[in-house]
Amino acid sequence: MIQSPCINICSIDARTNLCLGCGRTIDEVAGWSTFSPARRAEIMAELPARMTSAGLVPPVKAAG
């Protein structure tokens, strides 16, 4: 199974063009399965800072 930052909240923010759930661009989401493990790891390492600098906070999933 390919590791993914997806939290099943897939909506692209019109201001930043980033997914509100994970912080990836639409091109990154679309190409995720074709990226090398190293490229996916590189993107995943960037996501927290990317979300913070864009002022985006992923929604919290309800427990249960």
C-alpha atoms as a PDB file:
ATOM      1  CA  MET A   1       0.000   0.000   0.000  1.00  0.00           C
ATOM      2  CA  ILE A   2       1.260   3.472  -0.896  1.00  0.00           C
ATOM      3  CA  GLN A   3       1.582   5.866   2.034  1.00  0.00           C
ATOM      4  CA  SER A   4      -0.577   8.945   1.572  1.00  0.00           C
ATOM      5  CA  PRO A   5      -1.362  12.083   3.567  1.00  0.00           C
ATOM      6  CA  CYS A   6      -5.001  11.917   2.423  1.00  0.00           C
ATOM      7  CA  ILE A   7      -7.552  12.207   5.240  1.00  0.00           C
ATOM      8  CA  ASN A   8     -10.568  11.859   2.919  1.00  0.00           C
ATOM      9  CA  ILE A   9     -11.408  15.547   3.043  1.00  0.00           C
ATOM     10  CA  CYS A  10     -10.738  16.326  -0.586  1.00  0.00           C
ATOM     11  CA  SER A  11     -11.486  19.906  -1.454  1.00  0.00           C
ATOM     12  CA  ILE A  12      -9.164  22.355  -3.211  1.00  0.00           C
ATOM     13  CA  ASP A  13      -8.903  25.808  -1.628  1.00  0.00           C
ATOM     14  CA  ALA A  14      -9.500  28.393  -4.362  1.00  0.00           C
ATOM     15  CA  ARG A  15      -7.064  30.881  -2.816  1.00  0.00           C
ATOM     16  CA  THR A  16      -4.071  28.573  -2.400  1.00  0.00           C
ATOM     17  CA  ASN A  17      -4.869  25.730  -4.840  1.00  0.00           C
ATOM     18  CA  LEU A  18      -4.053  23.273  -2.056  1.00  0.00           C
ATOM     19  CA  CYS A  19      -6.210  20.460  -0.745  1.00  0.00           C
ATOM     20  CA  LEU A  20      -7.857  21.557   2.500  1.00  0.00           C
ATOM     21  CA  GLY A  21      -7.384  18.089   3.975  1.00  0.00           C
ATOM     22  CA  CYS A  22      -3.774  17.284   3.154  1.00  0.00           C
ATOM     23  CA  GLY A  23      -2.121  20.324   1.585  1.00  0.00           C
ATOM     24  CA  ARG A  24      -1.211  18.728  -1.729  1.00  0.00           C
ATOM     25  CA  THR A  25      -1.782  20.415  -5.081  1.00  0.00           C
ATOM     26  CA  ILE A  26      -4.236  18.862  -7.521  1.00  0.00           C
ATOM     27  CA  ASP A  27      -1.280  17.728  -9.660  1.00  0.00           C
ATOM     28  CA  GLU A  28       0.279  16.018  -6.635  1.00  0.00           C
ATOM     29  CA  VAL A  29      -3.006  14.311  -5.769  1.00  0.00           C
ATOM     30  CA  ALA A  30      -3.497  13.157  -9.363  1.00  0.00           C
ATOM     31  CA  GLY A  31       0.042  11.886  -9.796  1.00  0.00           C
ATOM     32  CA  TRP A  32       0.566  10.450  -6.312  1.00  0.00           C
ATOM     33  CA  SER A  33       0.513   6.793  -7.329  1.00  0.00           C
ATOM     34  CA  THR A  34       3.087   7.406 -10.077  1.00  0.00           C
ATOM     35  CA  PHE A  35       5.591   9.242  -7.874  1.00  0.00           C
ATOM     36  CA  SER A  36       8.605   7.423  -6.493  1.00  0.00           C
ATOM     37  CA  PRO A  37       8.610   6.655  -2.769  1.00  0.00           C
ATOM     38  CA  ALA A  38      11.345   9.280  -2.367  1.00  0.00           C
ATOM     39  CA  ARG A  39       9.260  11.960  -4.105  1.00  0.00           C
ATOM     40  CA  ARG A  40       6.185  11.103  -2.016  1.00  0.00           C
ATOM     41  CA  ALA A  41       8.285  11.322   1.167  1.00  0.00           C
ATOM     42  CA  GLU A  42       9.672  14.679   0.044  1.00  0.00           C
ATOM     43  CA  ILE A  43       6.192  16.080  -0.526  1.00  0.00           C
ATOM     44  CA  MET A  44       4.880  14.672   2.751  1.00  0.00           C
ATOM     45  CA  ALA A  45       7.747  16.338   4.626  1.00  0.00           C
ATOM     46  CA  GLU A  46       6.762  19.694   3.074  1.00  0.00           C
ATOM     47  CA  LEU A  47       3.047  19.480   3.865  1.00  0.00           C
ATOM     48  CA  PRO A  48       2.954  20.739   7.486  1.00  0.00           C
ATOM     49  CA  ALA A  49       4.921  23.896   6.638  1.00  0.00           C
ATOM     50  CA  ARG A  50       2.953  24.336   3.416  1.00  0.00           C
ATOM     51  CA  MET A  51      -0.359  24.176   5.282  1.00  0.00           C
ATOM     52  CA  THR A  52       0.882  26.562   7.974  1.00  0.00           C
ATOM     53  CA  SER A  53       2.260  29.130   5.547  1.00  0.00           C
ATOM     54  CA  ALA A  54      -0.984  28.995   3.544  1.00  0.00           C
ATOM     55  CA  GLY A  55      -3.023  29.552   6.717  1.00  0.00           C
ATOM     56  CA  LEU A  56      -4.836  26.242   6.281  1.00  0.00           C
ATOM     57  CA  VAL A  57      -5.764  23.950   9.137  1.00  0.00           C
ATOM     58  CA  PRO A  58      -7.030  20.498   8.264  1.00  0.00           C
ATOM     59  CA  PRO A  59     -10.395  19.714   9.835  1.00  0.00           C
ATOM     60  CA  VAL A  60     -10.343  17.336  12.779  1.00  0.00           C
ATOM     61  CA  LYS A  61     -12.029  14.004  12.104  1.00  0.00           C
ATOM     62  CA  ALA A  62     -14.653  13.014  14.633  1.00  0.00           C
ATOM     63  CA  ALA A  63     -13.729  10.057  16.813  1.00  0.00           C
ATOM     64  CA  GLY A  64     -15.609   6.842  16.459  1.00  0.00           C
END
